[in-house]
Amino acid sequence: MVIDVANRSELRKKCMTVLYQMEVYDKNKMQYNVDDVIKEATDIDNEFIKEIVYGVITHTKEIDEIANKYLDGWTIDRLGNTDIAILRMGIFELLYTETPPIVVINEAIELAKAYSDDSVRKMINGVLDKIYHDKGDDNA
């Protein structure tokens, strides 16, 4: 099956929106249903979106620990909600999916170019690049 790259980029944007919204709800201690947040953000029922969103939710603790290890002098909770969503998504895809690392990093950078400032974009790029290189050949 051929995957439409442009379509995947749009789906990642929707994933970012869902993760952003959930981060806002979490920080404000508001209850929500993940499937409802997904339905609000997208008009389609898509397995890729569910895989990414539920994967990030399932692995948030590990993802944040990894992010904090590579965020030089920072912690993930100091980033903006959009930046957190992009970084968590990128780390999840790098570590838990078969998506080629170059695609994951490029997609995260494109989202950061559109939604984050330049210094955060560079930070996200640096973190994902370090994770990719430290992951080494054992998982490649």
Protein backbone atom coordinates (compact mmCIF):
# COMPACT_ATOMS: atom_id res chain seq x y z
CA MET A 1 0.00 0.00 0.00
CA VAL A 2 1.36 3.40 -0.99
CA ILE A 3 1.08 6.09 1.66
CA ASP A 4 0.40 9.63 0.54
CA VAL A 5 3.10 11.71 2.23
CA ALA A 6 1.12 14.95 1.96
CA ASN A 7 -1.81 13.16 3.57
CA ARG A 8 0.41 11.98 6.41
CA SER A 9 1.62 15.55 6.94
CA GLU A 10 -1.98 16.71 7.27
CA LEU A 11 -2.72 13.84 9.65
CA ARG A 12 0.29 14.79 11.80
CA LYS A 13 -1.04 18.35 11.95
CA LYS A 14 -4.34 16.94 13.26
CA CYS A 15 -2.45 14.78 15.79
CA MET A 16 -0.60 17.88 16.97
CA THR A 17 -3.93 19.70 17.37
CA VAL A 18 -5.41 16.85 19.43
CA LEU A 19 -2.32 16.55 21.64
CA TYR A 20 -2.23 20.33 22.09
CA GLN A 21 -5.89 20.37 23.16
CA MET A 22 -5.36 17.52 25.62
CA GLU A 23 -2.35 19.32 27.10
CA VAL A 24 -4.52 22.42 27.64
CA TYR A 25 -7.20 20.29 29.31
CA ASP A 26 -4.62 18.53 31.49
CA LYS A 27 -2.98 21.78 32.62
CA ASN A 28 -6.40 23.17 33.51
CA LYS A 29 -7.41 19.92 35.25
CA MET A 30 -10.37 19.51 32.89
CA GLN A 31 -11.79 16.09 32.14
CA TYR A 32 -12.15 14.96 28.55
CA ASN A 33 -12.67 11.91 26.38
CA VAL A 34 -9.78 11.28 23.98
CA ASP A 35 -12.06 10.02 21.20
CA ASP A 36 -14.19 13.16 21.51
CA VAL A 37 -11.12 15.39 21.23
CA ILE A 38 -10.04 13.45 18.13
CA LYS A 39 -13.52 13.82 16.60
CA GLU A 40 -13.48 17.58 17.27
CA ALA A 41 -10.11 17.97 15.52
CA THR A 42 -10.79 15.82 12.49
CA ASP A 43 -13.77 14.91 10.41
CA ILE A 44 -12.43 11.48 9.53
CA ASP A 45 -11.96 8.26 11.46
CA ASN A 46 -8.28 7.56 10.95
CA GLU A 47 -6.13 4.81 12.44
CA PHE A 48 -2.89 6.77 12.00
CA ILE A 49 -4.24 9.62 14.15
CA LYS A 50 -5.43 7.17 16.81
CA GLU A 51 -2.10 5.30 16.76
CA ILE A 52 -0.11 8.50 17.32
CA VAL A 53 -2.45 10.07 19.89
CA TYR A 54 -2.99 6.92 21.94
CA GLY A 55 0.69 6.01 21.60
CA VAL A 56 1.77 9.38 22.99
CA ILE A 57 -0.77 9.06 25.83
CA THR A 58 0.41 5.53 26.65
CA HIS A 59 4.09 6.48 26.66
CA THR A 60 3.96 10.10 27.91
CA LYS A 61 6.00 9.36 31.04
CA GLU A 62 8.83 7.68 29.09
CA ILE A 63 8.65 10.25 26.29
CA ASP A 64 8.93 13.14 28.76
CA GLU A 65 11.85 11.48 30.58
CA ILE A 66 13.66 11.03 27.27
CA ALA A 67 12.88 14.60 26.19
CA ASN A 68 14.15 15.99 29.51
CA LYS A 69 17.37 14.00 29.12
CA TYR A 70 18.06 15.75 25.80
CA LEU A 71 16.61 19.22 26.48
CA ASP A 72 19.80 20.98 27.48
CA GLY A 73 19.02 22.94 30.65
CA TRP A 74 15.26 22.70 30.03
CA THR A 75 12.37 20.40 30.81
CA ILE A 76 9.50 19.60 28.49
CA ASP A 77 6.94 21.24 30.78
CA ARG A 78 8.65 24.62 30.17
CA LEU A 79 7.80 24.46 26.47
CA GLY A 80 4.59 25.80 24.99
CA ASN A 81 1.69 23.40 24.51
CA THR A 82 2.19 23.25 20.73
CA ASP A 83 5.91 22.57 21.13
CA ILE A 84 5.18 19.82 23.67
CA ALA A 85 2.75 18.19 21.23
CA ILE A 86 5.27 18.30 18.35
CA LEU A 87 8.14 16.97 20.46
CA ARG A 88 6.11 14.16 22.06
CA MET A 89 4.79 13.12 18.67
CA GLY A 90 8.28 13.07 17.16
CA ILE A 91 9.78 11.08 20.02
CA PHE A 92 6.89 8.60 19.92
CA GLU A 93 7.25 8.08 16.18
CA LEU A 94 11.04 7.70 16.42
CA LEU A 95 10.92 5.12 19.19
CA TYR A 96 7.67 3.23 18.74
CA THR A 97 6.81 3.19 15.01
CA GLU A 98 8.33 1.96 11.77
CA THR A 99 8.31 5.45 10.23
CA PRO A 100 11.79 6.21 8.83
CA PRO A 101 13.66 8.53 11.24
CA ILE A 102 14.42 11.09 8.53
CA VAL A 103 10.68 11.39 7.84
CA VAL A 104 9.85 11.75 11.55
CA ILE A 105 12.45 14.46 12.09
CA ASN A 106 11.53 16.31 8.89
CA GLU A 107 7.81 16.25 9.70
CA ALA A 108 8.44 17.54 13.24
CA ILE A 109 10.63 20.34 11.86
CA GLU A 110 7.96 21.32 9.32
CA LEU A 111 5.33 21.53 12.08
CA ALA A 112 7.73 23.52 14.26
CA LYS A 113 8.47 25.91 11.37
CA ALA A 114 4.75 26.58 11.04
CA TYR A 115 3.78 26.68 14.73
CA SER A 116 6.86 27.39 16.86
CA ASP A 117 9.50 30.07 16.97
CA ASP A 118 12.93 29.49 15.48
CA SER A 119 14.74 28.72 18.75
CA VAL A 120 12.18 26.06 19.68
CA ARG A 121 12.34 24.59 16.17
CA LYS A 122 16.10 24.23 16.57
CA MET A 123 15.63 22.69 20.02
CA ILE A 124 13.12 20.13 18.70
CA ASN A 125 15.45 19.31 15.80
CA GLY A 126 18.38 18.86 18.18
CA VAL A 127 16.48 16.62 20.60
CA LEU A 128 15.08 14.36 17.87
CA ASP A 129 18.46 14.18 16.13
CA LYS A 130 20.22 13.17 19.36
CA ILE A 131 17.58 10.54 20.15
CA TYR A 132 17.89 9.13 16.64
CA HIS A 133 21.70 8.93 16.83
CA ASP A 134 21.71 7.51 20.37
CA LYS A 135 19.11 4.93 19.37
CA GLY A 136 21.86 3.46 17.26
CA ASP A 137 21.77 0.41 15.06
CA ASP A 138 20.09 -1.84 17.61
CA ASN A 139 16.63 -0.47 16.70
CA ALA A 140 17.30 0.88 13.24
